Amino acid sequence: APPSPDYIPGHEEPEQAPPSSDYVPGPEHADDEIVAEDQPYAED
């Protein structure tokens, strides 16, 4: 089991960092869901 070459901790860290910043649209969408839940409350 050669996990050393497959591990690449140097490349794995930076690769996971960019996606985290690119995922910003994810949490932003959650805010939209909260607003949708607030809409029915205002309708009541």
PDB file of N, CA and C in Angstrom:
ATOM      1  N   ALA A   1       0.843  -1.211   0.000  1.00  0.00           N
ATOM      2  CA  ALA A   1       0.000   0.000   0.000  1.00  0.00           C
ATOM      3  C   ALA A   1       0.869   1.248   0.000  1.00  0.00           C
ATOM      4  N   PRO A   2       1.035   1.869  -1.145  1.00  0.00           N
ATOM      5  CA  PRO A   2       1.863   3.095  -1.268  1.00  0.00           C
ATOM      6  C   PRO A   2       1.038   4.363  -1.078  1.00  0.00           C
ATOM      7  N   PRO A   3       0.606   4.591   0.151  1.00  0.00           N
ATOM      8  CA  PRO A   3      -0.224   5.785   0.426  1.00  0.00           C
ATOM      9  C   PRO A   3       0.618   7.057   0.434  1.00  0.00           C
ATOM     10  N   SER A   4       1.935   6.882   0.413  1.00  0.00           N
ATOM     11  CA  SER A   4       2.828   8.055   0.440  1.00  0.00           C
ATOM     12  C   SER A   4       2.628   8.906  -0.822  1.00  0.00           C
ATOM     13  N   PRO A   5       2.767   8.305  -2.006  1.00  0.00           N
ATOM     14  CA  PRO A   5       2.611   9.061  -3.270  1.00  0.00           C
ATOM     15  C   PRO A   5       1.160   9.475  -3.478  1.00  0.00           C
ATOM     16  N   ASP A   6       0.233   8.685  -2.977  1.00  0.00           N
ATOM     17  CA  ASP A   6      -1.190   9.011  -3.169  1.00  0.00           C
ATOM     18  C   ASP A   6      -1.650  10.022  -2.123  1.00  0.00           C
ATOM     19  N   TYR A   7      -0.877  10.120  -1.051  1.00  0.00           N
ATOM     20  CA  TYR A   7      -1.269  11.028   0.045  1.00  0.00           C
ATOM     21  C   TYR A   7      -1.116  12.496  -0.390  1.00  0.00           C
ATOM     22  N   ILE A   8       0.101  12.819  -0.867  1.00  0.00           N
ATOM     23  CA  ILE A   8       0.362  14.199  -1.326  1.00  0.00           C
ATOM     24  C   ILE A   8      -0.325  15.216  -0.412  1.00  0.00           C
ATOM     25  N   PRO A   9       0.097  15.303   0.851  1.00  0.00           N
ATOM     26  CA  PRO A   9      -0.532  16.250   1.788  1.00  0.00           C
ATOM     27  C   PRO A   9      -0.390  17.688   1.298  1.00  0.00           C
ATOM     28  N   GLY A  10       0.712  17.950   0.596  1.00  0.00           N
ATOM     29  CA  GLY A  10       0.928  19.322   0.097  1.00  0.00           C
ATOM     30  C   GLY A  10      -0.102  19.670  -0.964  1.00  0.00           C
ATOM     31  N   HIS A  11      -0.426  18.701  -1.813  1.00  0.00           N
ATOM     32  CA  HIS A  11      -1.378  18.987  -2.917  1.00  0.00           C
ATOM     33  C   HIS A  11      -2.824  18.815  -2.446  1.00  0.00           C
ATOM     34  N   GLU A  12      -3.004  17.961  -1.437  1.00  0.00           N
ATOM     35  CA  GLU A  12      -4.380  17.692  -0.977  1.00  0.00           C
ATOM     36  C   GLU A  12      -4.928  18.918  -0.231  1.00  0.00           C
ATOM     37  N   GLU A  13      -4.069  19.568   0.538  1.00  0.00           N
ATOM     38  CA  GLU A  13      -4.545  20.721   1.334  1.00  0.00           C
ATOM     39  C   GLU A  13      -4.993  21.875   0.431  1.00  0.00           C
ATOM     40  N   PRO A  14      -4.152  22.265  -0.524  1.00  0.00           N
ATOM     41  CA  PRO A  14      -4.504  23.391  -1.412  1.00  0.00           C
ATOM     42  C   PRO A  14      -5.700  23.045  -2.295  1.00  0.00           C
ATOM     43  N   GLU A  15      -5.822  21.754  -2.638  1.00  0.00           N
ATOM     44  CA  GLU A  15      -6.932  21.366  -3.536  1.00  0.00           C
ATOM     45  C   GLU A  15      -8.265  21.480  -2.804  1.00  0.00           C
ATOM     46  N   GLN A  16      -8.243  21.213  -1.507  1.00  0.00           N
ATOM     47  CA  GLN A  16      -9.497  21.258  -0.745  1.00  0.00           C
ATOM     48  C   GLN A  16      -9.807  22.698  -0.317  1.00  0.00           C
ATOM     49  N   ALA A  17      -8.790  23.552  -0.349  1.00  0.00           N
ATOM     50  CA  ALA A  17      -9.001  24.940   0.089  1.00  0.00           C
ATOM     51  C   ALA A  17      -9.783  25.737  -0.964  1.00  0.00           C
ATOM     52  N   PRO A  18      -9.393  25.640  -2.228  1.00  0.00           N
ATOM     53  CA  PRO A  18     -10.094  26.394  -3.288  1.00  0.00           C
ATOM     54  C   PRO A  18     -11.581  26.044  -3.358  1.00  0.00           C
ATOM     55  N   PRO A  19     -11.929  24.758  -3.322  1.00  0.00           N
ATOM     56  CA  PRO A  19     -13.350  24.371  -3.396  1.00  0.00           C
ATOM     57  C   PRO A  19     -14.138  24.975  -2.238  1.00  0.00           C
ATOM     58  N   SER A  20     -13.487  25.116  -1.097  1.00  0.00           N
ATOM     59  CA  SER A  20     -14.183  25.676   0.073  1.00  0.00           C
ATOM     60  C   SER A  20     -14.607  27.123  -0.217  1.00  0.00           C
ATOM     61  N   SER A  21     -13.693  27.868  -0.854  1.00  0.00           N
ATOM     62  CA  SER A  21     -13.987  29.282  -1.151  1.00  0.00           C
ATOM     63  C   SER A  21     -14.986  29.371  -2.303  1.00  0.00           C
ATOM     64  N   ASP A  22     -14.928  28.352  -3.185  1.00  0.00           N
ATOM     65  CA  ASP A  22     -15.833  28.363  -4.347  1.00  0.00           C
ATOM     66  C   ASP A  22     -17.229  27.915  -3.926  1.00  0.00           C
ATOM     67  N   TYR A  23     -17.301  27.309  -2.745  1.00  0.00           N
ATOM     68  CA  TYR A  23     -18.599  26.789  -2.264  1.00  0.00           C
ATOM     69  C   TYR A  23     -19.420  27.925  -1.645  1.00  0.00           C
ATOM     70  N   VAL A  24     -18.878  29.127  -1.628  1.00  0.00           N
ATOM     71  CA  VAL A  24     -19.577  30.280  -1.024  1.00  0.00           C
ATOM     72  C   VAL A  24     -21.032  30.355  -1.495  1.00  0.00           C
ATOM     73  N   PRO A  25     -21.282  30.095  -2.789  1.00  0.00           N
ATOM     74  CA  PRO A  25     -22.660  30.171  -3.305  1.00  0.00           C
ATOM     75  C   PRO A  25     -23.574  29.190  -2.575  1.00  0.00           C
ATOM     76  N   GLY A  26     -23.000  28.125  -2.025  1.00  0.00           N
ATOM     77  CA  GLY A  26     -23.819  27.134  -1.303  1.00  0.00           C
ATOM     78  C   GLY A  26     -24.517  27.777  -0.109  1.00  0.00           C
ATOM     79  N   PRO A  27     -23.739  28.296   0.853  1.00  0.00           N
ATOM     80  CA  PRO A  27     -24.328  28.929   2.058  1.00  0.00           C
ATOM     81  C   PRO A  27     -25.201  30.117   1.679  1.00  0.00           C
ATOM     82  N   GLU A  28     -24.852  30.800   0.598  1.00  0.00           N
ATOM     83  CA  GLU A  28     -25.646  31.970   0.200  1.00  0.00           C
ATOM     84  C   GLU A  28     -27.059  31.526  -0.175  1.00  0.00           C
ATOM     85  N   HIS A  29     -27.131  30.346  -0.797  1.00  0.00           N
ATOM     86  CA  HIS A  29     -28.444  29.828  -1.224  1.00  0.00           C
ATOM     87  C   HIS A  29     -29.287  29.488   0.008  1.00  0.00           C
ATOM     88  N   ALA A  30     -28.596  29.067   1.072  1.00  0.00           N
ATOM     89  CA  ALA A  30     -29.313  28.701   2.305  1.00  0.00           C
ATOM     90  C   ALA A  30     -30.041  29.941   2.831  1.00  0.00           C
ATOM     91  N   ASP A  31     -29.440  31.093   2.659  1.00  0.00           N
ATOM     92  CA  ASP A  31     -30.073  32.339   3.114  1.00  0.00           C
ATOM     93  C   ASP A  31     -31.373  32.572   2.342  1.00  0.00           C
ATOM     94  N   ASP A  32     -31.358  32.120   1.084  1.00  0.00           N
ATOM     95  CA  ASP A  32     -32.557  32.294   0.251  1.00  0.00           C
ATOM     96  C   ASP A  32     -33.674  31.393   0.767  1.00  0.00           C
ATOM     97  N   GLU A  33     -33.259  30.236   1.300  1.00  0.00           N
ATOM     98  CA  GLU A  33     -34.267  29.284   1.813  1.00  0.00           C
ATOM     99  C   GLU A  33     -34.901  29.856   3.077  1.00  0.00           C
ATOM    100  N   ILE A  34     -34.099  30.540   3.871  1.00  0.00           N
ATOM    101  CA  ILE A  34     -34.609  31.135   5.116  1.00  0.00           C
ATOM    102  C   ILE A  34     -35.647  32.212   4.777  1.00  0.00           C
ATOM    103  N   VAL A  35     -35.360  32.965   3.727  1.00  0.00           N
ATOM    104  CA  VAL A  35     -36.286  34.030   3.305  1.00  0.00           C
ATOM    105  C   VAL A  35     -37.606  33.418   2.858  1.00  0.00           C
ATOM    106  N   ALA A  36     -37.507  32.281   2.156  1.00  0.00           N
ATOM    107  CA  ALA A  36     -38.718  31.617   1.653  1.00  0.00           C
ATOM    108  C   ALA A  36     -39.554  31.163   2.849  1.00  0.00           C
ATOM    109  N   GLU A  37     -38.884  30.732   3.906  1.00  0.00           N
ATOM    110  CA  GLU A  37     -39.630  30.267   5.085  1.00  0.00           C
ATOM    111  C   GLU A  37     -40.244  31.467   5.811  1.00  0.00           C
ATOM    112  N   ASP A  38     -39.612  32.606   5.652  1.00  0.00           N
ATOM    113  CA  ASP A  38     -40.113  33.820   6.309  1.00  0.00           C
ATOM    114  C   ASP A  38     -41.319  34.373   5.548  1.00  0.00           C
ATOM    115  N   GLN A  39     -41.400  34.033   4.265  1.00  0.00           N
ATOM    116  CA  GLN A  39     -42.498  34.535   3.425  1.00  0.00           C
ATOM    117  C   GLN A  39     -43.846  34.007   3.915  1.00  0.00           C
ATOM    118  N   PRO A  40     -43.941  32.690   4.103  1.00  0.00           N
ATOM    119  CA  PRO A  40     -45.218  32.117   4.563  1.00  0.00           C
ATOM    120  C   PRO A  40     -45.627  32.702   5.911  1.00  0.00           C
ATOM    121  N   TYR A  41     -44.630  33.029   6.732  1.00  0.00           N
ATOM    122  CA  TYR A  41     -44.928  33.594   8.059  1.00  0.00           C
ATOM    123  C   TYR A  41     -45.570  34.982   7.906  1.00  0.00           C
ATOM    124  N   ALA A  42     -45.084  35.735   6.918  1.00  0.00           N
ATOM    125  CA  ALA A  42     -45.624  37.087   6.694  1.00  0.00           C
ATOM    126  C   ALA A  42     -47.029  36.971   6.092  1.00  0.00           C
ATOM    127  N   GLU A  43     -47.246  35.915   5.304  1.00  0.00           N
ATOM    128  CA  GLU A  43     -48.567  35.732   4.665  1.00  0.00           C
ATOM    129  C   GLU A  43     -49.615  35.420   5.730  1.00  0.00           C
ATOM    130  N   ASP A  44     -49.170  34.739   6.767  1.00  0.00           N
ATOM    131  CA  ASP A  44     -50.106  34.376   7.833  1.00  0.00           C
ATOM    132  C   ASP A  44     -50.538  35.674   8.503  1.00  0.00           C
TER     133      ASP A  44
END
